[in-house]
Amino acid sequence: MSRDNDNPMTDIEQLQRELDGQSPRAILKAALAHYDEIAISFSGAEDVALIEMAHKLTDRLRVFSLDTGRLHPETYEFFERVRKHYGIDIEFQFPDAQAVQALVTEKGMFSFYEDGHGECCGIRKVEPLRRKLNTLDAWVTGQRKDQSPGTRNEVPVVQLDDAFEGRKGELVKFNPLANWTSKEVWDYIRISEAPYNKLHERGFVSIGCEPCTRPVLPGQHEREGRWWWEEATQKECGLHAGNLIASDA
């Protein structure tokens, strides 16, 4: 697919029709075939399942991750295991040091408990992600529809990303696991013996920054372990801001 096409929306709509209902592997294969400047966004279990699939499909696998500076020690250990297991370079993205310093100086280390996580996530996650996506034509995420009932019910397997821009303007976003459940992800991880974050063994399901993540109890939805002091319909950090718009529609 050419990024110079005069009507990229038509191409995306056609690709959506072709890929809807296909397996995650088939969706990944199509994504890698259509775009050279494409990378997998990596942070958790879903993403490592995608890396496990993709490394068998291409010898030019690109993976990036956002290091907010506030991740669990176990998460950093997980990153290193993945790097060694697959023999890949993880392209880490870091927040602007001056922006972090200004926020912490003005509001302290835990302002998000008082005025919401948007500002902190904007500095530590969204801005570094924006910088990275500006170098790509497409990116791959581990979003699932059942991950967050308040915001991700309508996640398609491929879409134009309305929240960010790529290196030539429009950016394409692939969500190969959109129709998978958590059980399917974990069945795949166990069968393939892929690495995983050891926090999962301690009741953590959805894992983000240390101050904003906690284990969930049996019967609780996985997203209840993230930003538990805020409304369920706002539990996005800005990386997938379009989900909030879709959920309000």
Protein backbone atom coordinates (compact mmCIF):
# COMPACT_ATOMS: atom_id res chain seq x y z
CA MET A 1 0.00 0.00 0.00
CA SER A 2 1.45 3.34 -1.01
CA ARG A 3 1.42 6.18 1.49
CA ASP A 4 1.12 8.53 -1.46
CA ASN A 5 -2.30 7.16 -2.41
CA ASP A 6 -4.78 9.99 -2.95
CA ASN A 7 -7.49 8.20 -0.97
CA PRO A 8 -5.87 6.26 1.88
CA MET A 9 -9.19 5.93 3.74
CA THR A 10 -10.55 3.76 0.93
CA ASP A 11 -7.48 1.53 1.19
CA ILE A 12 -7.90 1.21 4.95
CA GLU A 13 -11.58 0.41 4.63
CA GLN A 14 -10.76 -2.26 2.08
CA LEU A 15 -8.01 -3.66 4.28
CA GLN A 16 -10.38 -3.66 7.24
CA ARG A 17 -12.90 -5.73 5.26
CA GLU A 18 -10.18 -8.13 4.15
CA LEU A 19 -8.70 -8.61 7.62
CA ASP A 20 -11.82 -8.53 9.79
CA GLY A 21 -12.23 -11.99 11.26
CA GLN A 22 -8.73 -13.08 10.26
CA SER A 23 -6.28 -14.58 12.75
CA PRO A 24 -3.81 -12.30 14.55
CA ARG A 25 -0.98 -13.93 12.58
CA ALA A 26 -2.71 -13.18 9.27
CA ILE A 27 -3.30 -9.57 10.31
CA LEU A 28 0.33 -9.18 11.35
CA LYS A 29 1.52 -10.74 8.11
CA ALA A 30 -0.58 -8.27 6.11
CA ALA A 31 0.66 -5.34 8.19
CA LEU A 32 4.30 -6.26 7.63
CA ALA A 33 3.67 -6.79 3.92
CA HIS A 34 2.00 -3.41 3.45
CA TYR A 35 4.44 -1.21 5.39
CA ASP A 36 8.20 -1.03 5.73
CA GLU A 37 8.26 1.65 8.42
CA ILE A 38 6.21 -0.26 10.98
CA ALA A 39 6.90 -1.24 14.60
CA ILE A 40 5.24 -3.10 17.45
CA SER A 41 4.49 -1.14 20.61
CA PHE A 42 5.64 -3.28 23.52
CA SER A 43 4.82 -3.18 27.20
CA GLY A 44 2.81 -6.22 28.27
CA ALA A 45 1.59 -9.76 27.67
CA GLU A 46 -0.42 -9.00 24.54
CA ASP A 47 2.57 -7.29 22.98
CA VAL A 48 4.93 -10.16 23.65
CA ALA A 49 2.42 -12.49 21.99
CA LEU A 50 2.62 -10.24 18.92
CA ILE A 51 6.43 -10.26 19.05
CA GLU A 52 6.37 -14.06 19.26
CA MET A 53 4.22 -14.18 16.11
CA ALA A 54 6.05 -11.45 14.21
CA HIS A 55 9.60 -12.67 14.74
CA LYS A 56 8.66 -15.77 12.74
CA LEU A 57 7.28 -13.66 9.90
CA THR A 58 10.06 -11.15 9.31
CA ASP A 59 13.77 -10.58 9.80
CA ARG A 60 13.24 -6.82 10.08
CA LEU A 61 11.16 -6.82 13.25
CA ARG A 62 11.06 -3.45 15.00
CA VAL A 63 9.86 -3.10 18.58
CA PHE A 64 9.64 0.02 20.71
CA SER A 65 8.67 0.67 24.31
CA LEU A 66 7.98 3.69 26.50
CA ASP A 67 10.13 3.95 29.61
CA THR A 68 8.24 6.40 31.82
CA GLY A 69 10.83 6.23 34.59
CA ARG A 70 8.19 4.90 37.00
CA LEU A 71 7.84 1.28 35.97
CA HIS A 72 8.08 -1.70 38.32
CA PRO A 73 11.50 -3.36 38.67
CA GLU A 74 9.85 -6.55 37.40
CA THR A 75 8.84 -4.73 34.22
CA TYR A 76 12.42 -3.71 33.47
CA GLU A 77 13.49 -7.32 34.07
CA PHE A 78 10.75 -8.43 31.67
CA PHE A 79 12.00 -6.04 28.99
CA GLU A 80 15.50 -7.48 29.28
CA ARG A 81 14.25 -11.08 29.06
CA VAL A 82 12.30 -10.25 25.91
CA ARG A 83 15.31 -8.51 24.37
CA LYS A 84 17.54 -11.53 24.95
CA HIS A 85 14.91 -14.18 24.17
CA TYR A 86 14.21 -12.82 20.69
CA GLY A 87 17.60 -11.27 20.02
CA ILE A 88 16.04 -7.91 19.21
CA ASP A 89 16.88 -4.30 19.92
CA ILE A 90 14.04 -2.61 21.80
CA GLU A 91 13.82 1.04 20.79
CA PHE A 92 13.17 2.69 24.16
CA GLN A 93 11.51 6.09 24.22
CA PHE A 94 11.99 8.43 27.19
CA PRO A 95 10.09 11.50 28.38
CA ASP A 96 11.57 14.96 28.11
CA ALA A 97 13.61 15.44 31.30
CA GLN A 98 12.81 19.14 31.62
CA ALA A 99 9.06 18.52 31.31
CA VAL A 100 9.21 15.83 34.01
CA GLN A 101 11.30 18.06 36.26
CA ALA A 102 8.87 20.98 35.87
CA LEU A 103 5.85 18.80 36.70
CA VAL A 104 7.44 17.22 39.77
CA THR A 105 8.81 20.53 41.02
CA GLU A 106 5.45 22.24 40.72
CA LYS A 107 3.10 19.45 41.81
CA GLY A 108 5.18 16.78 43.51
CA MET A 109 5.62 13.11 42.66
CA PHE A 110 1.98 12.02 42.97
CA SER A 111 -0.15 14.83 41.56
CA PHE A 112 -2.15 12.36 39.47
CA TYR A 113 -3.95 11.10 42.58
CA GLU A 114 -5.41 14.59 43.02
CA ASP A 115 -5.99 15.95 39.53
CA GLY A 116 -6.12 12.86 37.31
CA HIS A 117 -3.50 10.95 35.39
CA GLY A 118 -3.82 12.89 32.14
CA GLU A 119 -1.05 15.43 32.70
CA CYS A 120 1.54 12.94 33.95
CA CYS A 121 0.73 10.42 31.22
CA GLY A 122 0.86 13.21 28.67
CA ILE A 123 4.45 13.98 29.61
CA ARG A 124 5.73 10.50 30.36
CA LYS A 125 3.86 8.53 27.67
CA VAL A 126 2.02 10.52 25.02
CA GLU A 127 4.76 12.95 24.03
CA PRO A 128 7.45 10.23 23.70
CA LEU A 129 5.00 8.11 21.73
CA ARG A 130 4.20 11.03 19.44
CA ARG A 131 7.91 11.49 18.72
CA LYS A 132 8.29 7.81 17.85
CA LEU A 133 5.20 7.58 15.68
CA ASN A 134 6.38 10.58 13.68
CA THR A 135 9.10 8.28 12.30
CA LEU A 136 6.70 5.50 11.23
CA ASP A 137 3.98 4.82 8.68
CA ALA A 138 2.16 2.28 10.84
CA TRP A 139 2.27 0.74 14.28
CA VAL A 140 1.00 -2.46 15.89
CA THR A 141 -0.70 -2.56 19.30
CA GLY A 142 -1.92 -5.30 21.61
CA GLN A 143 -5.34 -3.78 22.24
CA ARG A 144 -8.25 -6.17 22.82
CA LYS A 145 -11.94 -5.29 22.75
CA ASP A 146 -12.55 -6.91 26.15
CA GLN A 147 -9.60 -5.15 27.81
CA SER A 148 -11.59 -2.11 28.86
CA PRO A 149 -15.38 -2.31 28.37
CA GLY A 150 -15.68 1.42 28.91
CA THR A 151 -13.34 2.43 26.09
CA ARG A 152 -12.25 -0.45 23.84
CA ASN A 153 -15.44 -2.22 22.76
CA GLU A 154 -15.16 -0.93 19.21
CA VAL A 155 -11.45 -1.47 18.55
CA PRO A 156 -11.04 -2.57 14.89
CA VAL A 157 -8.23 -4.77 13.60
CA VAL A 158 -6.93 -1.90 11.44
CA GLN A 159 -7.69 1.82 11.41
CA LEU A 160 -6.38 5.25 10.61
CA ASP A 161 -4.98 6.69 13.84
CA ASP A 162 -6.78 9.99 14.41
CA ALA A 163 -4.73 10.86 17.49
CA PHE A 164 -1.22 10.82 15.98
CA GLU A 165 0.64 11.46 12.75
CA GLY A 166 3.18 9.33 10.94
CA ARG A 167 6.28 10.40 9.08
CA LYS A 168 4.26 11.36 5.99
CA GLY A 169 1.11 12.50 7.74
CA GLU A 170 -1.55 9.84 8.14
CA LEU A 171 -0.71 6.92 10.40
CA VAL A 172 -2.14 3.40 10.24
CA LYS A 173 -2.75 1.40 13.38
CA PHE A 174 -3.08 -2.39 13.49
CA ASN A 175 -4.72 -4.18 16.43
CA PRO A 176 -4.28 -7.88 15.54
CA LEU A 177 -5.53 -9.12 18.93
CA ALA A 178 -8.71 -7.01 18.91
CA ASN A 179 -10.95 -10.08 18.83
CA TRP A 180 -8.93 -12.26 21.19
CA THR A 181 -9.71 -12.73 24.88
CA SER A 182 -7.22 -12.62 27.71
CA LYS A 183 -7.43 -16.41 27.92
CA GLU A 184 -6.47 -16.77 24.27
CA VAL A 185 -3.47 -14.49 24.80
CA TRP A 186 -2.28 -16.47 27.78
CA ASP A 187 -2.89 -19.82 26.12
CA TYR A 188 -0.67 -18.64 23.27
CA ILE A 189 2.04 -17.39 25.66
CA ARG A 190 2.10 -20.71 27.50
CA ILE A 191 2.13 -22.83 24.34
CA SER A 192 4.91 -20.75 22.76
CA GLU A 193 6.79 -20.43 26.08
CA ALA A 194 7.14 -16.69 25.52
CA PRO A 195 8.51 -14.52 28.36
CA TYR A 196 6.07 -12.69 30.61
CA ASN A 197 6.14 -10.17 33.44
CA LYS A 198 6.50 -11.92 36.81
CA LEU A 199 3.99 -9.45 38.30
CA HIS A 200 1.28 -11.53 36.64
CA GLU A 201 2.04 -14.25 39.19
CA ARG A 202 1.15 -11.80 41.98
CA GLY A 203 -2.32 -10.82 40.77
CA PHE A 204 -1.36 -7.99 38.43
CA VAL A 205 -3.20 -8.24 35.11
CA SER A 206 -3.01 -4.84 33.39
CA ILE A 207 0.41 -3.41 34.24
CA GLY A 208 1.49 0.21 33.87
CA CYS A 209 3.49 2.56 36.05
CA GLU A 210 4.09 1.41 39.62
CA PRO A 211 2.05 4.13 41.40
CA CYS A 212 -0.94 3.60 39.09
CA THR A 213 -1.10 -0.20 39.00
CA ARG A 214 -2.31 -2.68 41.58
CA PRO A 215 -3.36 -6.35 41.67
CA VAL A 216 -6.99 -7.22 41.08
CA LEU A 217 -9.12 -9.57 43.13
CA PRO A 218 -10.84 -12.67 41.72
CA GLY A 219 -13.88 -11.56 39.74
CA GLN A 220 -12.62 -8.02 39.18
CA HIS A 221 -12.05 -6.81 35.64
CA GLU A 222 -8.39 -6.38 34.71
CA ARG A 223 -8.77 -2.63 34.14
CA GLU A 224 -9.82 -2.15 37.79
CA GLY A 225 -6.15 -2.44 38.64
CA ARG A 226 -5.35 0.75 36.70
CA TRP A 227 -6.14 4.31 37.88
CA TRP A 228 -8.65 2.86 40.35
CA TRP A 229 -9.48 6.34 41.70
CA GLU A 230 -10.95 7.47 38.36
CA GLU A 231 -14.04 6.73 36.28
CA ALA A 232 -13.91 3.53 34.22
CA THR A 233 -14.78 5.44 31.04
CA GLN A 234 -11.59 7.52 31.37
CA LYS A 235 -9.09 4.69 31.86
CA GLU A 236 -6.90 5.49 28.88
CA CYS A 237 -3.49 7.11 29.20
CA GLY A 238 -3.65 8.93 25.88
CA LEU A 239 -1.81 6.33 23.82
CA HIS A 240 -5.17 5.27 22.42
CA ALA A 241 -7.04 8.55 22.80
CA GLY A 242 -9.35 7.72 19.91
CA ASN A 243 -10.99 5.08 22.10
CA LEU A 244 -12.41 7.76 24.37
CA ILE A 245 -13.97 9.52 21.40
CA ALA A 246 -15.42 6.27 20.09
CA SER A 247 -16.85 5.34 23.49
CA ASP A 248 -18.65 8.67 23.72
CA ALA A 249 -20.16 8.39 20.25
